[in-house]
Amino acid sequence: MTDSADFDILVIGGGMIGSAAALGLSRQGWRVGLVEGQARDSLIDALSPATAVDDFEPRVSALSLASQKLLDQLGVWAHVRESRHCPYQAMTVWDGDGTGRVHFEAAELQSDLLGTIVENRAVVRGLFREILESPVTLIDGVKVTGWWQNADRSGVRLDDGRSMGASLVIAADGPNSRLRQWAGLPTREWDYDQQAIVCTVKTAQSHRSTAWQSFSQTGPLAFLPLLNEQGDDHFCSIVWSQDTEEARRLMALDDTAFAAKLESAIERELGAVEAVSKRFAFPLRQRHAKDYVARGIALVGDAAHSIHPLAGQGANLGYSDVRVLLEELARSRSAGLSPADTAMLARYQRRRKGENLAMMAAMEGFKQLFARDELPLRWLRNTGLRWFERLGPVKHRIAAQAMGLQR
């Protein structure tokens, strides 16, 4: 079968970032197509109630207030709040090999919360509930097999024989973006030689609506608070980034031994780890596209940049991409310009590239600082953490930036 469809804007990838972009652009009046490999029914299935650790999705995001605001403007946050989610009011960060510790409180920033931990599928479900009621043309259950360009259009070929074209194609197809490769947009990237272990745990003590993060020489460990439908606050999602060989050793342990290692690594801040879900591990690699845009194409989210998970900022950076791209495309529409206007795309890249690079550099600096064991560096980071904890205005400013309250 050979068929074709034509749009103003075609978004490739219906994850948390791509579906938000498609929905927002359709609300501006653009003719938008969204290509997603999964079938729509699987994207809007209700979440099963969670009574045990294996009932939670292992992939979660710590959404900042700025990301929540964007989703609220799209009419999606109300759906997310109907699903299980966990607002957190505090964060504690410490050096697992020393004595330095920093504690953040939402109340210090005149806010009710620092952010919200949400299972990724709950966000996608909320987005697609809105998309199915919107003018977005959803092309689901198909794979993209190729990329084409002519004088004024760009597009993709699908595995069912169809061809889709648009003035602008937005690549939201993840860190291994094929569209980025086909469009010839090179990346700078390196392997961390680490793996991130993710799973859900149940602890003896309440997480106290607090996100916990410990840094060690072999990598950071985060306990992110979760709530089930009954409000049980003894569940956490963990992200444990470890050097590859250590990660493999930890993955090979049985649940009892792994739980004991977790308890030790978090210094029993939440008491005993009573249950551990199925574990998953994935290699960590940092990528950053040298350019986010080219003729007829723009990259967003992980297709443009993937970052170490130690600060949980990946989804928030992606939503910042979407926010800026929506702003720039709204300007183009009001001026009667094409969505592929080169000046508009250049502004999008300029506004996002610096912030993303700054966050990636900061995360790389943190990783390198805590990965080294020389006595002067250990003294420096522990003294620095204690100094930072006492320096209220600076601490509050950095926390506000992470929450998206300042730019």
Protein backbone atom coordinates (compact mmCIF):
# COMPACT_ATOMS: atom_id res chain seq x y z
CA MET A 1 0.00 0.00 0.00
CA THR A 2 1.25 3.45 -0.87
CA ASP A 3 -0.48 6.41 0.73
CA SER A 4 0.60 9.87 1.77
CA ALA A 5 -0.44 12.51 4.24
CA ASP A 6 0.67 16.09 4.58
CA PHE A 7 0.93 18.22 7.73
CA ASP A 8 2.31 21.51 8.92
CA ILE A 9 4.27 19.68 11.62
CA LEU A 10 4.99 15.97 12.02
CA VAL A 11 6.17 14.69 15.41
CA ILE A 12 8.01 11.38 15.49
CA GLY A 13 7.83 9.64 18.86
CA GLY A 14 4.86 9.63 21.22
CA GLY A 15 6.64 9.40 24.55
CA MET A 16 6.34 11.96 27.33
CA ILE A 17 8.10 14.68 25.32
CA GLY A 18 6.90 14.11 21.77
CA SER A 19 3.24 13.73 22.69
CA ALA A 20 3.37 16.97 24.73
CA ALA A 21 4.85 18.80 21.73
CA ALA A 22 2.19 17.42 19.37
CA LEU A 23 -0.65 18.31 21.73
CA GLY A 24 0.64 21.83 22.38
CA LEU A 25 1.17 22.56 18.69
CA SER A 26 -2.29 21.34 17.74
CA ARG A 27 -3.73 23.73 20.34
CA GLN A 28 -2.01 26.56 18.44
CA GLY A 29 -3.88 25.64 15.26
CA TRP A 30 -1.14 23.83 13.33
CA ARG A 31 -2.06 20.67 11.38
CA VAL A 32 -0.12 18.11 13.42
CA GLY A 33 0.61 14.43 12.85
CA LEU A 34 2.06 12.20 15.57
CA VAL A 35 3.77 8.92 14.67
CA GLU A 36 4.03 6.39 17.50
CA GLY A 37 5.15 2.76 17.34
CA GLN A 38 2.77 1.49 20.03
CA ALA A 39 -0.93 0.97 19.42
CA ARG A 40 -3.16 3.64 20.96
CA ASP A 41 -5.11 1.18 23.13
CA SER A 42 -1.95 0.20 25.02
CA LEU A 43 -1.18 3.86 25.67
CA ILE A 44 -4.46 4.68 27.41
CA ASP A 45 -4.90 1.48 29.45
CA ALA A 46 -5.69 2.24 33.09
CA LEU A 47 -2.92 1.53 35.59
CA SER A 48 -3.50 -1.51 37.79
CA PRO A 49 -3.69 -0.77 41.52
CA ALA A 50 -0.36 -1.06 43.34
CA THR A 51 -0.22 -3.16 46.49
CA ALA A 52 3.26 -4.65 46.00
CA VAL A 53 6.60 -3.50 44.62
CA ASP A 54 6.14 -5.23 41.25
CA ASP A 55 2.91 -3.30 40.60
CA PHE A 56 4.76 -0.01 40.02
CA GLU A 57 6.39 0.84 36.70
CA PRO A 58 10.18 0.91 37.12
CA ARG A 59 10.50 4.05 34.97
CA VAL A 60 9.59 7.19 36.92
CA SER A 61 10.34 10.89 36.55
CA ALA A 62 10.85 13.63 39.13
CA LEU A 63 8.83 16.36 37.46
CA SER A 64 9.67 19.94 38.43
CA LEU A 65 7.05 22.60 39.07
CA ALA A 66 7.85 24.07 35.64
CA SER A 67 7.14 20.72 33.94
CA GLN A 68 3.92 20.35 35.92
CA LYS A 69 2.87 23.84 34.82
CA LEU A 70 3.38 22.94 31.16
CA LEU A 71 1.34 19.75 31.55
CA ASP A 72 -1.35 21.70 33.37
CA GLN A 73 -1.54 24.23 30.54
CA LEU A 74 -2.04 21.29 28.15
CA GLY A 75 -4.90 19.95 30.29
CA VAL A 76 -2.91 16.84 31.19
CA TRP A 77 -1.91 17.37 34.82
CA ALA A 78 -5.46 16.72 36.05
CA HIS A 79 -5.27 13.24 34.49
CA VAL A 80 -1.89 12.61 36.12
CA ARG A 81 -3.24 13.61 39.51
CA GLU A 82 -6.04 11.04 39.07
CA SER A 83 -3.33 8.37 38.85
CA ARG A 84 -0.99 7.53 41.69
CA HIS A 85 1.73 10.13 42.12
CA CYS A 86 3.88 11.38 44.96
CA PRO A 87 4.56 15.06 45.66
CA TYR A 88 7.72 15.51 47.68
CA GLN A 89 8.46 18.37 50.03
CA ALA A 90 12.11 17.71 50.88
CA MET A 91 15.37 16.38 49.47
CA THR A 92 18.44 15.16 51.34
CA VAL A 93 21.79 14.73 49.58
CA TRP A 94 24.97 13.47 51.24
CA ASP A 95 28.43 12.08 50.62
CA GLY A 96 28.30 8.37 51.37
CA ASP A 97 32.07 8.37 51.87
CA GLY A 98 32.13 11.37 54.22
CA THR A 99 30.10 13.62 56.46
CA GLY A 100 28.86 16.38 54.16
CA ARG A 101 25.06 16.68 53.86
CA VAL A 102 22.57 19.12 52.30
CA HIS A 103 18.84 19.24 53.03
CA PHE A 104 16.27 21.15 50.97
CA GLU A 105 12.75 22.02 52.14
CA ALA A 106 9.96 23.31 49.94
CA ALA A 107 8.82 25.60 52.74
CA GLU A 108 12.15 27.44 52.55
CA LEU A 109 11.15 28.47 49.02
CA GLN A 110 7.57 29.41 49.98
CA SER A 111 6.34 26.40 48.02
CA ASP A 112 4.16 23.44 48.90
CA LEU A 113 6.44 20.97 47.15
CA LEU A 114 9.76 20.57 45.35
CA GLY A 115 8.35 18.34 42.63
CA THR A 116 6.35 15.19 41.98
CA ILE A 117 7.46 11.62 41.34
CA VAL A 118 5.29 10.08 38.63
CA GLU A 119 5.43 6.80 36.76
CA ASN A 120 6.18 7.62 33.12
CA ARG A 121 3.23 5.64 31.81
CA ALA A 122 0.84 7.74 33.92
CA VAL A 123 2.08 10.88 32.16
CA VAL A 124 1.86 9.27 28.70
CA ARG A 125 -1.63 8.01 29.48
CA GLY A 126 -2.77 11.50 30.48
CA LEU A 127 -1.26 12.99 27.33
CA PHE A 128 -2.94 10.48 25.04
CA ARG A 129 -6.31 10.93 26.70
CA GLU A 130 -6.05 14.58 25.61
CA ILE A 131 -4.55 13.77 22.20
CA LEU A 132 -7.46 11.48 21.29
CA GLU A 133 -9.84 14.39 21.94
CA SER A 134 -7.68 16.87 20.00
CA PRO A 135 -7.18 17.63 16.28
CA VAL A 136 -3.86 15.72 16.31
CA THR A 137 -3.75 13.00 13.64
CA LEU A 138 -2.38 9.95 15.46
CA ILE A 139 -0.55 7.44 13.29
CA ASP A 140 0.02 4.59 15.74
CA GLY A 141 1.25 1.01 15.66
CA VAL A 142 3.76 1.69 12.87
CA LYS A 143 7.53 1.98 12.59
CA VAL A 144 9.48 4.68 10.77
CA THR A 145 11.74 3.12 8.14
CA GLY A 146 13.15 6.12 6.28
CA TRP A 147 13.54 9.88 5.93
CA TRP A 148 13.14 12.11 2.88
CA GLN A 149 13.47 15.76 1.95
CA ASN A 150 12.69 17.85 -1.09
CA ALA A 151 12.83 21.59 -1.76
CA ASP A 152 10.30 22.63 0.86
CA ARG A 153 9.08 19.49 2.66
CA SER A 154 10.51 16.79 4.91
CA GLY A 155 8.99 13.51 5.91
CA VAL A 156 9.20 9.87 6.81
CA ARG A 157 8.36 6.51 5.30
CA LEU A 158 6.50 3.96 7.40
CA ASP A 159 6.69 0.19 7.49
CA ASP A 160 3.11 -0.12 6.14
CA GLY A 161 4.06 1.67 2.92
CA ARG A 162 2.74 5.12 3.77
CA SER A 163 4.70 8.34 3.45
CA MET A 164 4.15 11.32 5.75
CA GLY A 165 5.33 14.84 4.95
CA ALA A 166 5.38 18.22 6.68
CA SER A 167 7.04 21.61 6.63
CA LEU A 168 8.72 20.72 9.91
CA VAL A 169 9.52 17.31 11.38
CA ILE A 170 10.15 17.15 15.13
CA ALA A 171 12.34 14.25 16.20
CA ALA A 172 11.31 12.99 19.63
CA ASP A 173 12.46 9.44 19.04
CA GLY A 174 14.87 9.08 21.96
CA PRO A 175 18.61 8.98 22.58
CA ASN A 176 19.31 6.62 19.67
CA SER A 177 17.26 8.82 17.34
CA ARG A 178 17.28 7.43 13.81
CA LEU A 179 15.88 10.70 12.51
CA ARG A 180 18.84 12.57 13.96
CA GLN A 181 21.17 10.16 12.18
CA TRP A 182 19.30 10.24 8.87
CA ALA A 183 19.26 14.04 8.93
CA GLY A 184 23.04 14.07 9.41
CA LEU A 185 23.06 15.82 12.79
CA PRO A 186 26.22 14.61 14.58
CA THR A 187 26.58 14.22 18.33
CA ARG A 188 29.30 14.51 20.93
CA GLU A 189 29.01 11.50 23.20
CA TRP A 190 30.88 9.32 25.62
CA ASP A 191 30.28 6.18 27.63
CA TYR A 192 30.27 6.57 31.42
CA ASP A 193 31.21 2.89 31.88
CA GLN A 194 28.32 2.78 34.33
CA GLN A 195 24.93 1.12 34.46
CA ALA A 196 21.80 2.42 36.16
CA ILE A 197 19.93 -0.18 38.18
CA VAL A 198 16.24 0.66 38.59
CA CYS A 199 13.55 -1.07 40.62
CA THR A 200 10.90 -0.44 43.27
CA VAL A 201 11.45 -1.21 46.94
CA LYS A 202 9.39 -1.23 50.11
CA THR A 203 11.05 0.07 53.26
CA ALA A 204 10.29 -0.40 56.94
CA GLN A 205 10.10 3.34 57.55
CA SER A 206 8.14 6.05 55.77
CA HIS A 207 9.98 7.99 53.07
CA ARG A 208 8.53 11.14 54.67
CA SER A 209 7.77 12.72 51.27
CA THR A 210 11.52 13.15 50.82
CA ALA A 211 13.83 12.31 47.93
CA TRP A 212 17.07 10.79 49.21
CA GLN A 213 20.37 10.70 47.34
CA SER A 214 23.74 9.37 48.43
CA PHE A 215 26.96 9.80 46.44
CA SER A 216 29.77 7.29 46.58
CA GLN A 217 32.99 6.69 44.69
CA THR A 218 31.33 4.09 42.45
CA GLY A 219 28.19 6.13 41.72
CA PRO A 220 25.05 7.80 43.17
CA LEU A 221 22.00 6.10 44.68
CA ALA A 222 18.58 7.79 44.70
CA PHE A 223 15.49 6.73 46.64
CA LEU A 224 12.52 8.53 45.06
CA PRO A 225 9.29 8.48 47.10
CA LEU A 226 6.16 6.76 45.78
CA LEU A 227 2.58 6.47 46.99
CA ASN A 228 0.06 3.82 46.07
CA GLU A 229 -3.69 4.36 45.83
CA GLN A 230 -4.07 3.87 49.59
CA GLY A 231 -1.43 6.47 50.38
CA ASP A 232 1.12 3.93 51.65
CA ASP A 233 4.36 5.92 51.96
CA HIS A 234 6.77 2.99 52.32
CA PHE A 235 7.45 2.54 48.59
CA CYS A 236 10.39 4.10 46.70
CA SER A 237 11.73 3.93 43.20
CA ILE A 238 15.50 3.51 43.20
CA VAL A 239 18.03 4.57 40.61
CA TRP A 240 21.46 3.19 41.49
CA SER A 241 24.19 4.22 39.05
CA GLN A 242 27.27 2.06 39.47
CA ASP A 243 30.46 1.27 37.59
CA THR A 244 29.66 -1.46 35.07
CA GLU A 245 31.41 -4.33 36.84
CA GLU A 246 29.88 -3.40 40.20
CA ALA A 247 26.44 -3.08 38.59
CA ARG A 248 26.75 -6.55 37.10
CA ARG A 249 27.74 -7.95 40.48
CA LEU A 250 24.76 -6.28 42.14
CA MET A 251 22.37 -7.51 39.46
CA ALA A 252 23.58 -11.07 40.05
CA LEU A 253 22.65 -11.00 43.75
CA ASP A 254 19.44 -12.52 45.02
CA ASP A 255 16.79 -10.16 46.39
CA THR A 256 17.82 -10.61 50.02
CA ALA A 257 21.48 -9.85 49.36
CA PHE A 258 20.60 -6.94 47.07
CA ALA A 259 18.31 -5.46 49.73
CA ALA A 260 21.13 -5.69 52.26
CA LYS A 261 23.44 -3.80 49.89
CA LEU A 262 20.79 -1.11 49.42
CA GLU A 263 20.33 -0.71 53.17
CA SER A 264 24.06 -0.25 53.61
CA ALA A 265 24.38 2.19 50.69
CA ILE A 266 21.61 4.45 52.02
CA GLU A 267 22.89 4.04 55.59
CA ARG A 268 19.51 2.64 56.72
CA GLU A 269 17.91 6.08 56.46
CA LEU A 270 14.58 4.33 55.82
CA GLY A 271 15.21 1.25 57.94
CA ALA A 272 15.16 -2.23 56.43
CA VAL A 273 14.45 -2.79 52.74
CA GLU A 274 11.62 -5.29 53.06
CA ALA A 275 10.86 -6.06 49.40
CA VAL A 276 12.53 -5.54 46.03
CA SER A 277 10.84 -5.71 42.62
CA LYS A 278 12.31 -7.12 39.44
CA ARG A 279 15.48 -5.19 38.65
CA PHE A 280 16.51 -3.62 35.35
CA ALA A 281 19.90 -2.25 34.33
CA PHE A 282 20.79 -0.06 31.38
CA PRO A 283 24.12 1.42 30.28
CA LEU A 284 24.72 5.14 30.77
CA ARG A 285 25.95 7.21 27.88
CA GLN A 286 25.91 10.98 27.52
CA ARG A 287 24.99 12.44 24.14
CA HIS A 288 24.55 15.97 22.91
CA ALA A 289 23.69 16.94 19.35
CA LYS A 290 26.05 19.57 17.98
CA ASP A 291 23.00 21.18 16.36
CA TYR A 292 19.36 20.75 17.40
CA VAL A 293 18.01 21.95 14.07
CA ALA A 294 18.58 21.67 10.33
CA ARG A 295 16.44 22.40 7.31
CA GLY A 296 13.00 20.99 8.03
CA ILE A 297 13.85 19.24 11.31
CA ALA A 298 14.15 20.01 15.03
CA LEU A 299 15.28 17.73 17.85
CA VAL A 300 13.67 17.68 21.29
CA GLY A 301 14.28 15.75 24.50
CA ASP A 302 16.62 12.78 24.47
CA ALA A 303 16.99 13.01 20.70
CA ALA A 304 18.88 16.27 21.32
CA HIS A 305 20.54 15.49 24.66
CA SER A 306 20.74 12.62 27.13
CA ILE A 307 22.13 13.23 30.59
CA HIS A 308 23.38 11.22 33.55
CA PRO A 309 20.37 10.41 35.78
CA LEU A 310 22.05 11.52 39.04
CA ALA A 311 19.94 14.71 39.26
CA GLY A 312 16.78 13.34 37.64
CA GLN A 313 16.62 16.27 35.19
CA GLY A 314 16.24 14.42 31.88
CA ALA A 315 12.46 14.75 31.53
CA ASN A 316 12.49 18.32 32.83
CA LEU A 317 15.06 19.39 30.23
CA GLY A 318 12.88 17.77 27.58
CA TYR A 319 9.80 19.65 28.76
CA SER A 320 11.81 22.88 28.70
CA ASP A 321 12.61 22.11 25.05
CA VAL A 322 8.90 21.71 24.36
CA ARG A 323 8.00 24.92 26.18
CA VAL A 324 10.51 26.99 24.17
CA LEU A 325 9.61 25.35 20.86
CA LEU A 326 5.91 26.06 21.52
CA GLU A 327 6.73 29.70 22.25
CA GLU A 328 8.79 30.10 19.09
CA LEU A 329 6.26 28.34 16.85
CA ALA A 330 3.46 30.48 18.28
CA ARG A 331 5.47 33.55 17.24
CA SER A 332 5.92 32.10 13.75
CA ARG A 333 2.21 31.40 13.39
CA SER A 334 1.18 34.86 14.53
CA ALA A 335 3.63 36.34 12.00
CA GLY A 336 2.34 34.13 9.19
CA LEU A 337 5.67 32.31 8.85
CA SER A 338 6.34 28.68 8.01
CA PRO A 339 6.90 26.33 10.98
CA ALA A 340 10.26 25.60 9.38
CA ASP A 341 11.35 29.24 9.39
CA THR A 342 15.13 29.19 9.81
CA ALA A 343 15.31 32.22 12.11
CA MET A 344 12.73 30.65 14.43
CA LEU A 345 14.60 27.35 14.55
CA ALA A 346 17.84 29.18 15.27
CA ARG A 347 16.21 30.97 18.21
CA TYR A 348 14.93 27.67 19.58
CA GLN A 349 18.42 26.19 19.43
CA ARG A 350 20.05 29.26 20.97
CA ARG A 351 17.58 29.38 23.88
CA ARG A 352 17.90 25.69 24.73
CA LYS A 353 21.45 24.68 23.91
CA GLY A 354 23.14 26.82 26.57
CA GLU A 355 20.89 25.66 29.41
CA ASN A 356 21.19 22.02 28.43
CA LEU A 357 24.97 22.22 28.13
CA ALA A 358 25.22 23.95 31.51
CA MET A 359 23.19 21.21 33.20
CA MET A 360 25.19 18.47 31.49
CA ALA A 361 28.47 20.11 32.54
CA ALA A 362 27.26 20.43 36.13
CA MET A 363 26.26 16.75 36.26
CA GLU A 364 29.60 15.71 34.78
CA GLY A 365 31.38 17.83 37.38
CA PHE A 366 29.40 16.21 40.21
CA LYS A 367 30.13 12.76 38.87
CA GLN A 368 33.86 13.40 38.59
CA LEU A 369 34.06 15.06 42.00
CA PHE A 370 32.45 12.13 43.81
CA ALA A 371 34.18 9.46 41.71
CA ARG A 372 37.63 10.33 43.06
CA ASP A 373 38.95 9.27 46.43
CA GLU A 374 42.01 11.49 46.93
CA LEU A 375 42.00 12.91 50.45
CA PRO A 376 42.06 16.60 49.36
CA LEU A 377 39.01 16.05 47.12
CA ARG A 378 37.14 14.18 49.84
CA TRP A 379 37.84 17.08 52.21
CA LEU A 380 36.79 19.61 49.54
CA ARG A 381 33.45 18.00 48.73
CA ASN A 382 32.48 17.39 52.36
CA THR A 383 33.51 20.89 53.42
CA GLY A 384 31.73 22.25 50.36
CA LEU A 385 28.51 20.41 51.16
CA ARG A 386 28.54 21.64 54.76
CA TRP A 387 29.28 25.20 53.58
CA PHE A 388 26.53 24.98 50.95
CA GLU A 389 24.03 23.79 53.58
CA ARG A 390 24.72 26.90 55.68
CA LEU A 391 24.62 29.32 52.74
CA GLY A 392 20.84 29.74 52.62
CA PRO A 393 20.34 32.27 49.75
CA VAL A 394 22.63 30.39 47.34
CA LYS A 395 21.09 27.03 48.26
CA HIS A 396 17.60 28.42 47.77
CA ARG A 397 18.46 29.94 44.40
CA ILE A 398 19.87 26.67 43.06
CA ALA A 399 16.86 24.74 44.37
CA ALA A 400 14.49 27.24 42.74
CA GLN A 401 16.27 26.89 39.41
CA ALA A 402 15.98 23.08 39.61
CA MET A 403 12.26 23.45 40.29
CA GLY A 404 11.89 25.74 37.29
CA LEU A 405 10.90 28.72 39.43
CA GLN A 406 13.79 30.86 38.12
CA ARG A 407 15.43 31.15 34.72
